[in-house]
Amino acid sequence: MELVPAPRPQGRPLWLYLLIAVAILSLGIWLTVAKSVTVIIDNEVHQVVKTRANTVGSALAKAGVVLQPGDLVEPAGTERVTRGMEIRITRSFPVTLVVGGSEQIVQFTGGSVGELLKQHGVKLGELDRVVPDSVQVIAGSQTVEVIRVTKDQVTVEEDIPYGSKEWAEPTLEKGKTKIVQRGQLGLQEKVYEVTYENGQEVDRELLVTRVVREPKDEIIGIGTREPSKAVITARGPVQYKEVKEMIATAYYPGPESTGEWADGFTATGIKAGFGIAAVDPEVIPLGTRLYVPGYGHALAADVGGAIKGNRIDLCFETYNEAIQFGRRTVKVYILD
């Protein structure tokens, strides 16, 4: 039997059949080569795509997935795509990071404060503080502060105040004062441990105090001497410190007044004469200079058996002068 070829349909060119065959073959090849990839964003399935991209980054780009700065892509964008691969994207969020007082906004995908600092290259010093603590988990936008803490020793010089003392000054009149010794400030060194946070002092602890120079007290002399007063004499004003009202008598150093055994000398060995007065040493000490109005200047240099208490016996050059003076009440000025 002779085989006869089937007749070609009329009106359809050969090239059309070839084009359809190539298209069907290409589709089959594409479906065979394309890989199925699941895109998961923040733990939720975003889309499942067929891709012939070689890398994760290319696959995401062709799938229309836009990445923001700081987003975490796993596997990395340079990894090769494999059939059935899951591409996980964790979206970043802004965190305010303050380091040593300097503020910046950084992107973070979540984790602990310590991980945030490590990710952004922030190293902590031994004394530095972190708020919140390094183990605290960051779940969303917030502020993380690194406080730079340093300590230093500082030496400060301080004055030591001087005291004031008083002592009796017999050469000074009562009511008057004078500085006998001027006060001098002392000097001390204080060593502090100073704590700084972000360059600002926040605490100061005294470690030690050293005395460099002791202070010297000021000494004030307080006058104890009775103030001097002036009495007008023939020689002019004379200063006195006390005045006594006394009974005055007069004597002549000859036998008429002192008896036949008188030698003309006083109890202190001074020759008796005008200007010598006999006194009670319990009232006026011997050697005291005196002034008696109506008589003049005198020296307490003699004693007498009848001269006791507020009595004074004034010596004259002649017996008649002594008799004329007689006995009277006088003011006796005790001179300085």
Protein backbone atom coordinates (compact mmCIF):
# COMPACT_ATOMS: atom_id res chain seq x y z
CA MET A 1 0.00 0.00 0.00
CA GLU A 2 1.35 3.43 -0.83
CA LEU A 3 1.22 6.03 1.93
CA VAL A 4 0.03 9.41 0.91
CA PRO A 5 1.07 12.51 3.02
CA ALA A 6 -1.75 14.24 4.83
CA PRO A 7 -2.78 17.30 3.09
CA ARG A 8 -1.60 20.63 4.66
CA PRO A 9 -4.46 22.78 5.79
CA GLN A 10 -5.12 25.44 3.40
CA GLY A 11 -4.66 29.14 4.44
CA ARG A 12 -2.17 28.69 7.45
CA PRO A 13 1.48 29.38 6.69
CA LEU A 14 4.24 27.19 8.10
CA TRP A 15 5.99 29.99 9.96
CA LEU A 16 3.00 30.51 12.24
CA TYR A 17 3.19 26.95 13.45
CA LEU A 18 6.91 27.33 14.08
CA LEU A 19 6.36 30.52 16.15
CA ILE A 20 3.75 28.85 18.32
CA ALA A 21 6.04 25.89 18.88
CA VAL A 22 8.93 28.15 19.94
CA ALA A 23 6.70 30.10 22.36
CA ILE A 24 5.44 26.91 23.98
CA LEU A 25 9.00 25.63 24.29
CA SER A 26 10.25 28.95 25.80
CA LEU A 27 7.46 29.01 28.35
CA GLY A 28 8.30 25.54 29.39
CA ILE A 29 11.98 26.38 29.74
CA TRP A 30 11.16 29.57 31.79
CA LEU A 31 8.85 27.68 34.06
CA THR A 32 11.53 25.07 34.49
CA VAL A 33 14.32 27.62 35.29
CA ALA A 34 12.29 30.18 37.44
CA LYS A 35 12.47 29.70 41.22
CA SER A 36 9.68 30.18 43.73
CA VAL A 37 10.66 32.66 46.49
CA THR A 38 8.63 33.75 49.55
CA VAL A 39 9.15 37.35 50.77
CA ILE A 40 8.41 37.79 54.50
CA ILE A 41 8.35 41.33 55.96
CA ASP A 42 8.29 41.79 59.76
CA ASN A 43 7.31 38.12 60.22
CA GLU A 44 4.35 38.34 57.83
CA VAL A 45 4.26 36.82 54.32
CA HIS A 46 4.34 39.69 51.86
CA GLN A 47 4.30 37.80 48.57
CA VAL A 48 5.38 34.61 46.80
CA VAL A 49 7.12 35.24 43.49
CA LYS A 50 8.64 33.28 40.61
CA THR A 51 12.01 34.75 39.75
CA ARG A 52 14.96 33.96 37.59
CA ALA A 53 17.11 36.57 39.43
CA ASN A 54 20.47 35.31 40.57
CA THR A 55 20.78 37.31 43.84
CA VAL A 56 18.45 38.14 46.70
CA GLY A 57 18.80 41.87 46.03
CA SER A 58 17.86 41.48 42.38
CA ALA A 59 14.92 39.26 43.25
CA LEU A 60 13.54 41.86 45.67
CA ALA A 61 14.04 44.66 43.16
CA LYS A 62 12.23 42.74 40.41
CA ALA A 63 9.44 41.92 42.86
CA GLY A 64 9.03 45.66 43.58
CA VAL A 65 10.11 45.43 47.23
CA VAL A 66 11.68 48.77 48.28
CA LEU A 67 14.28 48.63 51.05
CA GLN A 68 14.72 51.55 53.49
CA PRO A 69 18.05 52.53 55.09
CA GLY A 70 18.74 50.27 58.05
CA ASP A 71 16.40 47.45 56.98
CA LEU A 72 17.72 43.99 57.78
CA VAL A 73 17.60 41.47 54.90
CA GLU A 74 18.23 37.78 55.53
CA PRO A 75 19.88 36.22 53.61
CA ALA A 76 22.01 39.18 52.56
CA GLY A 77 21.31 40.88 49.24
CA THR A 78 24.42 39.37 47.65
CA GLU A 79 23.39 35.79 48.40
CA ARG A 80 22.29 33.58 45.45
CA VAL A 81 18.62 32.76 45.14
CA THR A 82 17.66 29.12 45.64
CA ARG A 83 14.41 27.34 44.90
CA GLY A 84 11.91 27.63 47.75
CA MET A 85 14.00 30.33 49.52
CA GLU A 86 12.44 32.54 52.21
CA ILE A 87 13.70 36.12 52.15
CA ARG A 88 13.05 37.81 55.49
CA ILE A 89 13.02 41.60 55.81
CA THR A 90 12.94 43.36 59.18
CA ARG A 91 11.99 47.00 58.80
CA SER A 92 14.10 49.51 60.77
CA PHE A 93 12.70 52.32 62.93
CA PRO A 94 14.30 55.58 64.16
CA VAL A 95 15.99 55.73 67.57
CA THR A 96 17.33 58.93 69.14
CA LEU A 97 20.88 58.13 70.26
CA VAL A 98 22.56 60.66 72.58
CA VAL A 99 26.25 60.03 73.24
CA GLY A 100 28.11 62.39 75.57
CA GLY A 101 25.50 65.08 74.98
CA SER A 102 25.64 64.78 71.17
CA GLU A 103 22.33 63.69 69.63
CA GLN A 104 21.70 61.80 66.40
CA ILE A 105 18.85 59.82 64.84
CA VAL A 106 19.82 56.25 63.89
CA GLN A 107 17.90 53.34 62.34
CA PHE A 108 17.49 50.10 64.29
CA THR A 109 15.69 46.87 63.57
CA GLY A 110 15.19 45.86 67.20
CA GLY A 111 17.11 44.17 69.96
CA SER A 112 18.79 45.28 73.17
CA VAL A 113 20.32 48.66 73.94
CA GLY A 114 23.71 46.97 73.99
CA GLU A 115 23.15 45.65 70.46
CA LEU A 116 22.17 49.12 69.28
CA LEU A 117 25.39 50.59 70.68
CA LYS A 118 27.49 47.82 69.14
CA GLN A 119 25.77 48.21 65.77
CA HIS A 120 26.63 51.92 65.72
CA GLY A 121 30.17 51.56 67.07
CA VAL A 122 29.57 53.16 70.47
CA LYS A 123 32.11 51.88 73.01
CA LEU A 124 31.49 52.32 76.72
CA GLY A 125 34.10 53.50 79.20
CA GLU A 126 34.52 51.84 82.58
CA LEU A 127 32.43 54.48 84.38
CA ASP A 128 29.97 55.35 81.60
CA ARG A 129 26.25 55.00 82.24
CA VAL A 130 23.54 54.00 79.75
CA VAL A 131 19.87 54.95 80.03
CA PRO A 132 18.00 52.66 79.70
CA ASP A 133 20.26 49.81 80.80
CA SER A 134 22.21 47.89 78.15
CA VAL A 135 20.05 44.77 78.52
CA GLN A 136 16.82 46.69 77.95
CA VAL A 137 15.01 45.64 74.74
CA ILE A 138 14.18 48.36 72.22
CA ALA A 139 10.87 47.62 70.52
CA GLY A 140 10.15 50.97 68.89
CA SER A 141 11.22 54.57 68.57
CA GLN A 142 12.72 55.90 71.81
CA THR A 143 15.75 57.72 73.21
CA VAL A 144 18.93 55.97 74.34
CA GLU A 145 21.50 58.06 76.19
CA VAL A 146 25.15 57.25 76.87
CA ILE A 147 26.49 59.42 79.70
CA ARG A 148 30.25 59.74 79.60
CA VAL A 149 31.55 59.59 83.19
CA THR A 150 35.08 60.57 84.23
CA LYS A 151 36.78 61.22 87.56
CA ASP A 152 39.71 63.48 88.36
CA GLN A 153 41.59 64.67 91.44
CA VAL A 154 41.64 68.42 92.00
CA THR A 155 43.76 70.27 94.58
CA VAL A 156 42.35 73.52 95.94
CA GLU A 157 44.20 76.00 98.17
CA GLU A 158 42.13 77.64 100.89
CA ASP A 159 42.87 80.22 103.58
CA ILE A 160 42.66 79.18 107.22
CA PRO A 161 41.11 82.05 109.21
CA TYR A 162 43.04 83.29 112.21
CA GLY A 163 41.62 83.78 115.67
CA SER A 164 41.73 86.76 117.99
CA LYS A 165 43.09 86.91 121.53
CA GLU A 166 43.08 89.66 124.12
CA TRP A 167 45.53 90.35 126.90
CA ALA A 168 45.92 93.04 129.54
CA GLU A 169 48.16 95.92 128.50
CA PRO A 170 49.22 97.86 131.64
CA THR A 171 50.95 100.58 129.62
CA LEU A 172 47.66 101.46 127.94
CA GLU A 173 44.85 103.45 129.52
CA LYS A 174 41.56 101.78 130.26
CA GLY A 175 39.15 101.92 127.33
CA LYS A 176 41.94 101.90 124.77
CA THR A 177 43.17 99.01 122.68
CA LYS A 178 46.04 98.36 120.35
CA ILE A 179 47.08 95.51 118.09
CA VAL A 180 50.05 93.81 119.69
CA GLN A 181 50.36 91.16 116.97
CA ARG A 182 48.64 91.23 113.61
CA GLY A 183 46.82 88.07 112.59
CA GLN A 184 48.09 86.01 109.69
CA LEU A 185 45.98 83.70 107.57
CA GLY A 186 47.00 80.07 107.40
CA LEU A 187 47.02 78.00 104.22
CA GLN A 188 45.66 74.54 103.54
CA GLU A 189 45.35 72.27 100.53
CA LYS A 190 42.23 70.19 99.97
CA VAL A 191 42.31 67.28 97.54
CA TYR A 192 38.94 66.42 96.00
CA GLU A 193 37.81 63.60 93.73
CA VAL A 194 35.60 65.30 91.17
CA THR A 195 33.06 63.38 89.07
CA TYR A 196 32.12 64.70 85.64
CA GLU A 197 29.20 63.64 83.46
CA ASN A 198 29.48 64.70 79.83
CA GLY A 199 32.19 67.14 80.90
CA GLN A 200 30.10 68.81 83.62
CA GLU A 201 30.94 68.48 87.33
CA VAL A 202 28.21 66.61 89.21
CA ASP A 203 29.93 65.59 92.45
CA ARG A 204 32.93 66.50 94.58
CA GLU A 205 34.27 64.33 97.43
CA LEU A 206 36.95 65.53 99.85
CA LEU A 207 39.79 63.02 100.06
CA VAL A 208 42.41 64.71 102.23
CA THR A 209 43.26 68.07 103.82
CA ARG A 210 46.89 69.16 104.25
CA VAL A 211 47.92 72.20 106.32
CA VAL A 212 50.65 74.13 104.52
CA ARG A 213 50.92 77.02 106.98
CA GLU A 214 49.35 77.41 110.42
CA PRO A 215 47.48 80.68 111.09
CA LYS A 216 48.74 83.21 113.64
CA ASP A 217 46.23 84.70 116.04
CA GLU A 218 45.67 88.42 116.24
CA ILE A 219 46.57 89.69 119.71
CA ILE A 220 44.80 92.80 120.97
CA GLY A 221 46.11 94.66 124.02
CA ILE A 222 43.36 95.91 126.35
CA GLY A 223 44.35 98.93 128.43
CA THR A 224 44.27 98.44 132.20
CA ARG A 225 45.98 101.63 133.33
CA GLU A 226 43.78 104.27 134.85
CA PRO A 227 43.53 107.23 132.51
CA SER A 228 45.80 110.12 133.34
CA LYS A 229 44.38 113.45 134.39
CA ALA A 230 46.01 116.87 134.42
CA VAL A 231 46.39 119.29 137.30
CA ILE A 232 47.59 122.85 136.70
CA THR A 233 50.81 123.64 138.55
CA ALA A 234 53.34 126.44 138.44
CA ARG A 235 55.25 124.30 135.96
CA GLY A 236 52.19 123.84 133.77
CA PRO A 237 49.74 120.92 133.42
CA VAL A 238 50.89 117.72 135.12
CA GLN A 239 49.33 114.31 134.51
CA TYR A 240 48.02 112.43 137.51
CA LYS A 241 46.31 109.09 137.89
CA GLU A 242 44.60 109.49 141.26
CA VAL A 243 43.71 112.23 143.75
CA LYS A 244 43.18 111.78 147.49
CA GLU A 245 41.77 114.17 150.06
CA MET A 246 44.10 114.08 153.09
CA ILE A 247 44.94 115.88 156.36
CA ALA A 248 48.23 117.72 155.85
CA THR A 249 50.66 118.89 158.51
CA ALA A 250 54.15 120.38 158.19
CA TYR A 251 57.53 119.74 159.76
CA TYR A 252 61.06 121.10 159.81
CA PRO A 253 63.92 118.54 159.76
CA GLY A 254 65.59 120.27 162.69
CA PRO A 255 65.25 119.38 166.39
CA GLU A 256 62.29 121.76 166.74
CA SER A 257 60.12 119.29 164.83
CA THR A 258 61.94 115.97 164.98
CA GLY A 259 63.72 116.08 168.32
CA GLU A 260 67.34 116.45 169.33
CA TRP A 261 68.33 113.10 167.86
CA ALA A 262 67.25 114.00 164.33
CA ASP A 263 70.01 113.59 161.74
CA GLY A 264 68.23 115.33 158.84
CA PHE A 265 67.71 112.17 156.74
CA THR A 266 64.47 110.43 155.84
CA ALA A 267 63.48 106.80 156.33
CA THR A 268 64.55 106.13 152.73
CA GLY A 269 67.98 107.68 153.28
CA ILE A 270 67.23 110.86 151.36
CA LYS A 271 68.19 114.16 153.01
CA ALA A 272 65.09 115.85 154.34
CA GLY A 273 64.14 119.19 152.81
CA PHE A 274 61.45 121.02 150.91
CA GLY A 275 59.65 118.62 148.55
CA ILE A 276 59.85 115.61 150.86
CA ALA A 277 56.64 114.18 152.28
CA ALA A 278 56.07 111.66 155.03
CA VAL A 279 53.20 109.25 154.27
CA ASP A 280 51.63 106.01 155.38
CA PRO A 281 53.16 103.46 152.94
CA GLU A 282 49.94 101.45 153.14
CA VAL A 283 48.13 104.39 151.55
CA ILE A 284 50.82 105.94 149.32
CA PRO A 285 53.83 103.78 148.44
CA LEU A 286 57.23 105.28 149.16
CA GLY A 287 58.81 106.70 146.02
CA THR A 288 55.51 108.02 144.65
CA ARG A 289 55.63 111.47 143.06
CA LEU A 290 52.98 113.85 144.41
CA TYR A 291 51.56 117.29 143.88
CA VAL A 292 49.90 119.22 146.72
CA PRO A 293 48.21 122.56 145.89
CA GLY A 294 49.56 125.32 148.17
CA TYR A 295 52.80 123.36 148.62
CA GLY A 296 53.98 122.08 145.25
CA HIS A 297 55.67 118.93 144.01
CA ALA A 298 56.71 116.34 146.58
CA LEU A 299 58.22 112.88 146.84
CA ALA A 300 56.81 110.30 149.27
CA ALA A 301 60.15 109.44 150.93
CA ASP A 302 59.58 109.47 154.70
CA VAL A 303 57.35 108.01 157.39
CA GLY A 304 56.27 109.15 160.81
CA GLY A 305 54.83 107.59 163.92
CA ALA A 306 51.75 109.79 163.79
CA ILE A 307 51.32 109.60 159.99
CA LYS A 308 48.71 106.89 159.53
CA GLY A 309 45.87 106.54 157.03
CA ASN A 310 44.94 109.59 154.98
CA ARG A 311 47.55 111.87 156.52
CA ILE A 312 50.60 113.53 154.98
CA ASP A 313 53.43 115.52 156.61
CA LEU A 314 55.17 118.06 154.35
CA CYS A 315 58.76 119.13 154.93
CA PHE A 316 59.75 122.84 154.88
CA GLU A 317 63.12 124.56 154.88
CA THR A 318 62.45 126.56 158.07
CA TYR A 319 60.58 126.00 161.26
CA ASN A 320 58.55 129.22 160.76
CA GLU A 321 57.35 128.05 157.34
CA ALA A 322 56.19 124.80 158.90
CA ILE A 323 54.35 126.66 161.65
CA GLN A 324 52.69 128.98 159.12
CA PHE A 325 51.48 126.02 157.04
CA GLY A 326 49.87 124.50 160.10
CA ARG A 327 47.28 121.78 159.68
CA ARG A 328 44.81 121.73 156.81
CA THR A 329 42.82 119.49 154.48
CA VAL A 330 44.41 119.22 151.05
CA LYS A 331 44.07 117.34 147.79
CA VAL A 332 47.05 115.11 147.12
CA TYR A 333 47.56 114.30 143.41
CA ILE A 334 49.36 111.04 142.74
CA LEU A 335 51.30 111.69 139.56
CA ASP A 336 52.02 109.28 136.69
